[in-house]
Protein backbone atom coordinates (compact mmCIF):
# COMPACT_ATOMS: atom_id res chain seq x y z
CA MET A 1 -31.37 4.30 -18.83
CA SER A 2 -27.70 3.87 -17.84
CA ASP A 3 -26.51 3.23 -14.30
CA VAL A 4 -25.45 6.81 -13.55
CA ALA A 5 -25.06 6.02 -9.82
CA ALA A 6 -21.88 4.14 -10.71
CA LEU A 7 -20.22 7.51 -11.31
CA VAL A 8 -20.66 8.58 -7.68
CA ALA A 9 -18.00 7.81 -5.06
CA PRO A 10 -19.25 8.66 -1.56
CA SER A 11 -16.89 9.94 1.12
CA VAL A 12 -16.05 7.42 3.85
CA ARG A 13 -14.82 8.78 7.18
CA TRP A 14 -13.70 7.22 10.42
CA HIS A 15 -15.45 8.57 13.53
CA ASP A 16 -13.54 8.74 16.80
CA GLU A 17 -16.55 7.50 18.79
CA TYR A 18 -18.40 5.28 16.32
CA GLY A 19 -15.53 4.05 14.18
CA TYR A 20 -16.85 2.95 10.79
CA ALA A 21 -20.34 2.06 12.10
CA LEU A 22 -22.01 5.05 10.49
CA ALA A 23 -19.88 4.78 7.35
CA ALA A 24 -20.85 1.12 6.91
CA LYS A 25 -24.54 2.03 6.87
CA GLU A 26 -23.91 4.86 4.41
CA LEU A 27 -21.92 2.56 2.14
CA GLU A 28 -24.70 -0.03 2.25
CA THR A 29 -27.17 2.65 1.16
CA ALA A 30 -24.80 3.77 -1.59
CA ARG A 31 -24.39 0.20 -2.80
CA GLU A 32 -28.18 -0.24 -2.95
CA LEU A 33 -28.39 2.96 -5.01
CA GLY A 34 -25.92 1.48 -7.53
CA CYS A 35 -22.65 3.09 -6.45
CA ARG A 36 -19.49 1.02 -6.83
CA ALA A 37 -16.74 3.46 -5.90
CA ALA A 38 -15.72 5.29 -2.73
CA LEU A 39 -13.22 7.83 -1.41
CA MET A 40 -11.61 6.88 1.90
CA HIS A 41 -10.52 9.78 4.12
CA GLY A 42 -8.62 7.69 6.64
CA GLY A 43 -9.01 5.31 9.55
CA PRO A 44 -7.19 2.44 11.28
CA LEU A 45 -5.80 -0.03 8.76
CA ALA A 46 -7.37 -3.23 10.10
CA GLU A 47 -10.82 -1.67 10.42
CA THR A 48 -10.54 -0.20 6.92
CA ARG A 49 -9.67 -3.62 5.51
CA ALA A 50 -12.66 -5.21 7.25
CA LEU A 51 -15.07 -2.50 6.11
CA LEU A 52 -14.07 -2.73 2.46
CA ALA A 53 -14.07 -6.52 2.46
CA GLY A 54 -17.67 -6.43 3.68
CA VAL A 55 -18.70 -3.93 1.03
CA ARG A 56 -17.22 -5.99 -1.76
CA ALA A 57 -18.66 -9.26 -0.44
CA GLY A 58 -22.19 -7.96 -0.88
CA SER A 59 -21.73 -6.33 -4.28
CA PRO A 60 -22.13 -7.87 -7.73
CA HIS A 61 -19.62 -5.35 -9.13
CA ALA A 62 -15.93 -4.74 -8.66
CA TRP A 63 -15.35 -1.63 -6.54
CA LEU A 64 -12.90 1.19 -7.15
CA VAL A 65 -11.83 2.54 -3.76
CA ALA A 66 -9.64 5.63 -3.76
CA ALA A 67 -7.60 7.48 -1.14
CA GLU A 68 -5.05 10.28 -1.15
CA LEU A 69 -1.76 8.41 -0.66
CA GLY A 70 1.00 10.85 -1.58
CA SER A 71 2.84 10.25 1.71
CA GLY A 72 2.28 6.52 1.96
CA ALA A 73 -0.71 4.58 3.19
CA GLY A 74 0.19 5.22 6.82
CA GLU A 75 -0.42 8.96 6.64
CA ARG A 76 -4.18 8.41 6.66
CA PHE A 77 -4.39 4.78 7.74
CA PRO A 78 -2.54 4.14 11.02
CA GLY A 79 -1.06 0.67 10.99
CA ALA A 80 0.43 1.09 7.52
CA THR A 81 3.74 2.77 6.71
CA ALA A 82 3.77 6.54 6.41
CA LEU A 83 6.40 8.27 4.30
CA PRO A 84 7.75 11.80 4.37
CA PRO A 85 5.96 14.11 1.89
CA LEU A 86 7.23 13.89 -1.68
CA ALA A 87 9.16 17.15 -1.35
CA ALA A 88 11.26 15.57 1.40
CA LEU A 89 12.43 12.79 -0.94
CA ASP A 90 15.07 13.10 -3.66
CA ALA A 91 13.05 13.34 -6.87
CA ALA A 92 16.19 12.63 -8.90
CA ASP A 93 16.49 9.20 -7.26
CA GLY A 94 14.32 7.05 -9.50
CA GLU A 95 14.69 3.99 -7.29
CA ALA A 96 13.49 5.99 -4.27
CA MET A 97 10.40 7.04 -6.23
CA ARG A 98 9.70 3.44 -7.17
CA ARG A 99 10.21 2.23 -3.62
CA ALA A 100 7.82 4.87 -2.27
CA ALA A 101 5.13 3.99 -4.80
CA ARG A 102 5.62 0.24 -4.47
CA LEU A 103 5.36 0.26 -0.68
CA THR A 104 2.34 2.58 -0.81
CA ALA A 105 0.52 0.47 -3.40
CA ARG A 106 1.15 -2.87 -1.70
CA GLU A 107 -0.11 -1.65 1.67
CA ALA A 108 -3.09 0.14 0.13
CA ARG A 109 -4.10 -2.89 -1.90
CA GLY A 110 -3.83 -5.09 1.18
CA ALA A 111 -6.38 -2.80 2.86
CA GLY A 112 -8.76 -2.93 -0.10
CA ILE A 113 -7.79 0.44 -1.59
CA ASN A 114 -7.07 0.08 -5.30
CA CYS A 115 -6.79 3.69 -6.49
CA ALA A 116 -4.09 6.05 -5.24
CA VAL A 117 -4.97 9.72 -5.62
CA ALA A 118 -1.30 10.57 -6.19
CA PRO A 119 1.21 11.84 -6.99
CA SER A 120 0.50 15.56 -6.81
CA CYS A 121 2.32 17.34 -9.62
CA ILE A 122 0.94 20.83 -9.11
CA LEU A 123 2.88 23.79 -10.44
CA PRO A 124 4.86 25.16 -7.47
CA GLY A 125 3.72 28.71 -8.20
CA ARG A 126 0.05 27.65 -8.03
CA ALA A 127 0.17 26.10 -4.58
CA PRO A 128 0.50 27.22 -0.95
CA PRO A 129 3.47 25.85 1.05
CA ILE A 130 1.61 22.91 2.57
CA VAL A 131 0.54 21.73 -0.89
CA ARG A 132 4.01 22.27 -2.38
CA ALA A 133 5.38 19.97 0.32
CA ARG A 134 3.25 17.17 -1.14
CA THR A 135 4.73 17.40 -4.62
CA PHE A 136 8.17 16.89 -6.16
CA ASP A 137 10.74 19.53 -5.20
CA ALA A 138 12.78 19.50 -8.40
CA PRO A 139 13.10 21.12 -11.85
CA ASP A 140 10.34 20.28 -14.32
CA GLN A 141 12.08 17.47 -16.20
CA VAL A 142 13.28 15.79 -13.01
CA ALA A 143 9.79 16.06 -11.53
CA ALA A 144 8.33 14.60 -14.72
CA ALA A 145 10.66 11.60 -14.58
CA ALA A 146 9.85 11.11 -10.89
CA CYS A 147 6.13 11.23 -11.68
CA ALA A 148 6.50 8.58 -14.38
CA GLU A 149 8.51 6.29 -12.08
CA TRP A 150 5.96 6.65 -9.27
CA ILE A 151 3.00 5.89 -11.55
CA ASP A 152 4.70 2.92 -13.22
CA ALA A 153 5.68 1.33 -9.90
CA CYS A 154 2.25 1.94 -8.36
CA GLN A 155 0.33 0.43 -11.26
CA ALA A 156 2.75 -2.49 -11.47
CA GLU A 157 1.32 -3.50 -8.07
CA GLY A 158 -2.27 -3.48 -9.35
CA VAL A 159 -3.29 -0.08 -7.98
CA VAL A 160 -4.63 2.64 -10.29
CA ALA A 161 -2.65 5.90 -10.01
CA MET A 162 -4.54 9.21 -10.19
CA PRO A 163 -2.14 12.17 -10.40
CA GLY A 164 -3.33 15.75 -10.58
CA PRO A 165 -4.54 18.40 -10.41
CA TYR A 166 -4.94 18.71 -14.17
CA PRO A 167 -4.36 21.16 -15.88
CA LEU A 168 -2.53 22.85 -12.99
CA MET A 169 0.12 20.13 -13.16
CA ARG A 170 3.56 20.83 -14.53
CA ALA A 171 3.19 20.32 -18.27
CA ALA A 172 6.12 17.90 -18.42
CA ALA A 173 4.68 15.84 -15.56
CA ALA A 174 1.27 15.69 -17.22
CA ASP A 175 2.86 14.44 -20.45
CA ALA A 176 4.93 11.92 -18.51
CA ALA A 177 1.83 10.61 -16.73
CA LEU A 178 -0.01 10.09 -20.00
CA ASP A 179 3.03 8.43 -21.57
CA ALA A 180 3.27 6.11 -18.54
CA GLY A 181 -0.25 4.85 -19.20
CA VAL A 182 -1.81 6.34 -16.10
CA GLY A 183 -5.26 4.92 -15.35
CA ALA A 184 -6.91 8.08 -14.05
CA LEU A 185 -6.51 11.84 -13.80
CA LEU A 186 -7.85 14.19 -11.13
CA LEU A 187 -9.08 17.54 -12.44
CA ALA A 188 -8.45 20.73 -10.50
CA SER A 189 -11.57 22.14 -8.86
CA SER A 190 -11.24 25.25 -11.02
CA HIS A 191 -11.62 23.11 -14.17
CA ALA A 192 -14.04 20.45 -12.91
CA ASP A 193 -16.77 21.26 -15.44
CA ASP A 194 -14.52 22.38 -18.30
CA ALA A 195 -15.98 20.50 -21.28
CA ALA A 196 -13.36 21.86 -23.70
CA LEU A 197 -10.52 20.64 -21.50
CA ILE A 198 -12.06 17.18 -21.16
CA ALA A 199 -12.61 17.02 -24.92
CA TYR A 200 -8.93 17.87 -25.39
CA LEU A 201 -7.89 15.01 -23.10
CA ARG A 202 -10.09 12.54 -24.95
CA ARG A 203 -9.33 13.61 -28.52
CA GLU A 204 -5.98 15.36 -28.81
CA ALA A 205 -4.25 13.70 -25.86
CA GLY A 206 -5.85 10.32 -26.54
CA PHE A 207 -6.56 9.66 -22.85
CA ASP A 208 -9.18 6.98 -22.24
CA GLY A 209 -8.71 6.54 -18.51
CA ILE A 210 -10.94 7.82 -15.72
CA ILE A 211 -11.36 11.58 -15.42
CA ALA A 212 -12.34 12.41 -11.83
CA VAL A 213 -13.23 15.53 -9.89
CA PRO A 214 -13.09 16.11 -6.11
CA LEU A 215 -16.80 16.79 -5.66
CA GLY A 216 -16.76 17.54 -1.94
CA ALA A 217 -13.81 19.92 -2.27
CA LEU A 218 -15.43 21.51 -5.31
CA SER A 219 -18.68 22.09 -3.41
CA ASN A 220 -16.77 23.74 -0.56
CA ALA A 221 -14.64 25.86 -2.88
CA ARG A 222 -17.59 27.19 -4.88
CA ASP A 223 -20.09 27.16 -2.03
CA GLU A 224 -22.57 25.37 -4.26
CA ASP A 225 -24.78 22.33 -3.79
CA GLU A 226 -23.16 18.97 -4.60
CA SER A 227 -26.10 17.78 -6.67
CA VAL A 228 -26.01 20.84 -8.95
CA LEU A 229 -22.27 20.56 -9.45
CA ALA A 230 -22.51 16.81 -10.04
CA VAL A 231 -24.87 17.31 -12.99
CA GLN A 232 -22.64 20.04 -14.43
CA CYS A 233 -19.50 17.90 -14.17
CA ILE A 234 -21.03 14.76 -15.69
CA ALA A 235 -22.55 16.84 -18.51
CA ALA A 236 -19.07 18.22 -19.21
CA GLY A 237 -17.67 14.69 -19.61
CA VAL A 238 -16.37 13.79 -16.14
CA ASP A 239 -16.39 10.06 -15.30
CA LEU A 240 -16.14 9.92 -11.52
CA LEU A 241 -17.37 12.21 -8.72
CA LEU A 242 -14.96 11.67 -5.83
CA GLY A 243 -15.95 12.43 -2.26
CA CYS A 244 -19.72 12.87 -2.28
CA ASP A 245 -21.29 13.67 1.11
CA ASP A 246 -25.00 13.52 0.16
CA THR A 247 -24.98 10.43 -2.00
CA ALA A 248 -28.73 9.87 -2.26
CA GLU A 249 -29.41 13.46 -3.32
CA VAL A 250 -26.60 13.46 -5.88
CA VAL A 251 -27.77 10.17 -7.43
CA ARG A 252 -31.35 11.47 -7.54
CA ALA A 253 -30.22 14.67 -9.28
CA LEU A 254 -28.18 12.74 -11.84
CA ARG A 255 -31.02 10.35 -12.64
CA THR A 256 -33.45 13.24 -13.01
CA ALA A 257 -31.05 15.07 -15.32
CA GLU A 258 -30.56 11.96 -17.43
CA ALA A 259 -34.31 11.38 -17.69
CA ARG A 260 -34.72 14.96 -18.91
CA GLY A 261 -32.05 14.48 -21.55
CA GLU A 262 -29.58 16.79 -19.84
CA LEU A 263 -27.01 14.00 -19.72
CA SER A 264 -25.88 11.82 -22.60
CA GLY A 265 -26.73 8.17 -21.96
CA GLU A 266 -23.91 7.11 -24.26
CA GLN A 267 -21.43 9.26 -22.38
CA VAL A 268 -22.58 7.91 -19.02
CA ARG A 269 -22.29 4.32 -20.25
CA ALA A 270 -18.77 5.01 -21.50
CA ALA A 271 -17.86 6.40 -18.07
CA CYS A 272 -19.28 3.29 -16.38
CA LEU A 273 -17.19 1.09 -18.64
CA ARG A 274 -14.02 3.01 -17.79
CA ILE A 275 -14.64 2.75 -14.06
CA ASP A 276 -15.60 -0.93 -14.25
CA ALA A 277 -12.57 -1.74 -16.39
CA ARG A 278 -10.12 -0.15 -13.94
CA ALA A 279 -11.86 -1.66 -10.93
CA ALA A 280 -11.70 -5.13 -12.52
CA TRP A 281 -8.05 -4.63 -13.50
CA ALA A 282 -7.24 -3.63 -9.90
CA ASP A 283 -9.38 -6.40 -8.38
CA VAL A 284 -8.15 -6.83 -4.81
CA SER A 285 -9.53 -10.36 -4.55
CA ALA A 286 -6.45 -11.47 -6.47
CA ALA A 287 -3.49 -11.96 -4.16
CA GLY A 288 -1.14 -8.99 -4.07
CA ARG A 289 2.46 -8.86 -2.91
CA GLU A 290 3.33 -7.98 0.66
CA PRO A 291 5.73 -5.10 1.37
CA THR A 292 9.30 -6.31 1.61
CA LEU A 293 11.36 -5.82 4.76
CA ASP A 294 13.89 -3.94 2.64
CA ASP A 295 11.26 -1.42 1.53
CA VAL A 296 9.94 -0.95 5.08
CA LEU A 297 13.48 -0.33 6.37
CA TRP A 298 14.08 2.09 3.50
CA ALA A 299 10.97 4.02 4.56
CA ARG A 300 12.38 4.29 8.06
CA ARG A 301 15.69 5.64 6.76
CA ALA A 302 13.85 8.11 4.52
CA ALA A 303 11.90 9.41 7.50
CA ASP A 304 15.10 9.78 9.56
CA ALA A 305 16.80 11.69 6.74
CA ALA A 306 13.86 14.08 6.42
CA VAL A 307 14.19 15.30 10.03
CA HIS A 308 16.43 18.36 10.01
CA VAL A 309 17.38 21.48 11.97
CA THR A 310 16.01 24.73 10.55
CA THR A 311 18.25 26.87 12.77
CA PRO A 312 21.64 25.54 11.53
CA GLN A 313 23.52 28.62 12.73
CA ARG A 314 22.85 27.40 16.25
CA GLY A 315 24.24 23.94 15.57
CA ARG A 316 22.82 20.49 16.19
CA PRO A 317 20.37 19.98 19.04
CA PRO A 318 22.09 19.37 22.37
CA ARG A 319 22.32 15.84 23.71
CA LEU A 320 19.22 14.95 25.67
CA ARG A 321 19.54 15.42 29.42
CA THR A 322 17.21 13.20 31.38
CA PRO A 323 14.61 13.17 32.62
CA VAL A 324 13.22 14.67 29.41
CA GLU A 325 10.03 16.67 29.59
CA LEU A 326 7.77 16.37 26.53
CA VAL A 327 5.20 19.11 25.95
CA ILE A 328 2.63 18.63 23.18
CA VAL A 329 1.15 21.68 21.47
CA ASP A 330 -1.71 20.40 19.32
CA ASP A 331 -2.83 23.14 16.92
CA ASP A 332 -4.49 20.67 14.61
CA LEU A 333 -7.74 19.14 13.47
CA PRO A 334 -8.81 15.84 15.07
CA ARG A 335 -6.75 12.87 13.87
CA PRO A 336 -7.23 9.08 14.11
CA ASP A 337 -4.31 8.85 16.55
CA ARG A 338 -3.55 11.32 19.36
CA ALA A 339 -0.90 13.92 18.53
CA GLY A 340 2.42 13.12 20.15
CA ALA A 341 1.42 9.65 21.38
CA ALA A 342 3.80 7.89 18.97
CA LEU A 343 6.65 10.26 19.87
CA ARG A 344 6.23 9.61 23.59
CA GLU A 345 5.96 5.85 23.01
CA ALA A 346 9.05 5.80 20.78
CA LEU A 347 11.16 7.78 23.27
CA ASP A 348 10.09 5.38 26.01
CA THR A 349 10.93 2.35 23.84
CA LEU A 350 14.38 3.81 23.17
CA GLY A 351 14.99 4.03 26.92
CA VAL A 352 14.74 7.81 27.25
CA GLU A 353 13.64 8.65 30.80
CA MET A 354 10.74 11.11 30.79
CA ALA A 355 9.02 13.09 33.51
CA GLU A 356 7.51 16.46 34.28
CA SER A 357 10.81 17.95 35.30
CA THR A 358 12.63 21.24 35.78
CA ARG A 359 16.07 19.65 35.21
CA GLY A 360 16.22 17.77 31.92
CA THR A 361 15.82 18.75 28.27
CA LEU A 362 12.50 20.23 27.24
CA ILE A 363 11.07 18.97 23.93
CA VAL A 364 8.14 20.98 22.61
CA ALA A 365 6.36 19.04 19.85
CA VAL A 366 4.04 21.22 17.75
CA PHE A 367 1.39 19.71 15.45
CA GLY A 368 -0.56 21.57 12.79
CA ASP A 369 -0.25 19.93 9.35
CA ARG A 370 -3.95 19.09 9.04
CA ARG A 371 -5.01 22.58 10.12
CA ILE A 372 -2.62 24.18 7.66
CA THR A 373 -4.07 22.02 4.86
CA LEU A 374 -7.19 24.18 5.13
CA GLY A 375 -5.19 27.19 3.96
CA PHE A 376 -3.69 28.62 7.15
CA ASP A 377 -0.15 29.83 6.46
CA THR A 378 1.13 29.61 10.02
CA TYR A 379 0.28 28.35 13.49
CA SER A 380 -2.37 30.02 15.61
CA ASP A 381 -1.42 32.80 18.03
CA GLY A 382 -2.33 30.50 20.90
CA ALA A 383 0.04 27.77 19.75
CA ARG A 384 2.90 30.21 19.19
CA ASP A 385 2.37 31.73 22.63
CA ARG A 386 2.45 28.30 24.30
CA VAL A 387 5.73 27.44 22.56
CA ARG A 388 7.31 30.81 23.39
CA LEU A 389 6.33 30.62 27.06
CA ALA A 390 7.60 27.02 27.38
CA CYS A 391 10.98 27.97 25.90
CA ALA A 392 11.22 31.08 28.08
CA ALA A 393 10.53 29.02 31.20
CA ALA A 394 13.23 26.53 30.18
CA ALA A 395 15.74 29.34 29.67
CA GLN A 396 15.04 30.72 33.14
CA SER A 397 15.85 27.28 34.56
CA ALA A 398 19.01 26.95 32.42
CA ARG A 399 17.47 24.00 30.60
CA ASP A 400 17.95 23.10 26.96
CA ALA A 401 14.83 23.45 24.83
CA ILE A 402 14.17 21.85 21.44
CA VAL A 403 11.11 22.79 19.38
CA VAL A 404 10.00 20.15 16.86
CA HIS A 405 7.31 21.20 14.40
CA PHE A 406 5.50 18.52 12.42
CA THR A 407 4.90 20.73 9.39
CA PRO A 408 6.93 21.55 6.24
CA PRO A 409 9.97 23.84 6.27
CA GLY A 410 9.00 27.46 6.56
CA PHE A 411 6.33 26.94 9.18
CA GLY A 412 9.06 26.77 11.80
CA ASP A 413 9.68 30.49 11.23
CA ALA A 414 6.90 31.04 13.78
CA PHE A 415 9.33 29.80 16.43
CA GLU A 416 12.54 31.48 15.26
CA SER A 417 13.09 33.04 18.69
CA CYS A 418 13.45 29.56 20.21
CA PRO A 419 16.95 28.09 20.73
CA VAL A 420 16.77 25.11 18.36
CA VAL A 421 14.00 24.34 15.89
CA VAL A 422 13.68 20.97 14.15
CA CYS A 423 11.44 20.30 11.13
CA ALA A 424 9.69 16.93 10.89
CA TRP A 425 7.47 17.70 7.87
CA SER A 426 4.22 15.99 8.95
CA GLY A 427 2.45 14.63 12.00
CA THR A 428 2.43 10.96 11.05
CA ARG A 429 3.51 8.12 13.29
CA ALA A 430 6.50 7.51 11.02
CA MET A 431 7.79 11.05 11.48
CA GLU A 432 7.15 11.03 15.25
CA GLU A 433 9.21 7.85 15.55
CA ALA A 434 11.92 9.32 13.32
CA VAL A 435 12.18 12.37 15.59
CA ALA A 436 12.59 10.09 18.61
CA ARG A 437 15.42 8.19 16.92
CA CYS A 438 17.17 11.35 15.76
CA LEU A 439 16.96 13.24 19.07
CA SER A 440 18.11 10.20 21.03
CA GLY A 441 21.07 9.65 18.72
CA ARG A 442 19.76 6.37 17.24
CA ALA A 443 19.68 7.69 13.66
CA GLY A 444 21.19 10.17 11.26
CA GLY A 445 19.41 13.27 10.06
CA LEU A 446 19.29 16.59 11.92
CA GLU A 447 21.58 18.26 9.44
CA GLY A 448 20.88 21.92 8.76
């Protein structure tokens, strides 16, 4: 019997109270079952590096560790560099695409992550606004060229790229990814068990890389048990089940199905070989290259340039009058770092006096990018009311008010009645620091 457990990649999550303590035990169990892949959902960079080093030290196999990295490693792993979402970058600038991928791959590899679930190349018409913000904002051929540059630069650093969601990708981008020699493809949840599609990729398209499905997301989308879906996907020809929450049950179901002849042993062995080959190729025990200072500074400039006013008819934000009052409206899911903490720290570092005041400029920082990822198309009524009331109180005191929303353009429409609205794209530390630089006059950006 083949080692079908190797096709299962359990989800690994950081816990605010326990850190990676629970995840470490779950990974140890997964390793004993025969798993040798994982999907990281985020956590502090140093702790992530230590966790994955321990997992690999006790395993006889090379591990393939994946994470969604479309906005840089720092989006999910505080301590690394976060980048603006892909839509905030110039897709026609091939060097910018290569810089973004290179910096992402080097930092990911340094943390033990050797598979980047990126870039997203979803058709704009098939995605909600928050998802469109994470893909290339350009015509098809430009997006395809950007995709190829990103993949080539990422894999040149020894990190497997996994674009998707296939076949809901732009056709030109999908072709460009295959031509670039991409090591893996992520199937869309709607096609996760599409045997005909997988056969097309293998035979007509000649793709022999890893074909993965987002098992946890698939289970949520279809409201079906992971173990049932796992058997269906592997039977259809999938290689890797990304993001499994009940690892033991899924492995048990796969082994039972194989013993009953419901899964092809030859097909499973071929999938194991593909995973092992990519994991060995991306072996993190070999020394990788550190991010260059030039690339890190470029990332900072890219974040500054992404910050912009969405109410241009009202002009640039007024100069800050001190003491500045910072109000945080957190309409988001829990995050590894507290919303607004980096913004407050950066303003303080830049010498901006802050206090609970009725005299200086009011900055209302609104967070909601993780919540919106779940499908919400705007902020909650409670968050909008808090922003509106804060701005109204500032107006009564003849104070300037600036609303900064850490979500993509369009979501700021919820605050259109406010004097000045600034878009910062996402609630990462990099974008919080960029907002501090831009509002304090230490950087460019803030164009309408």
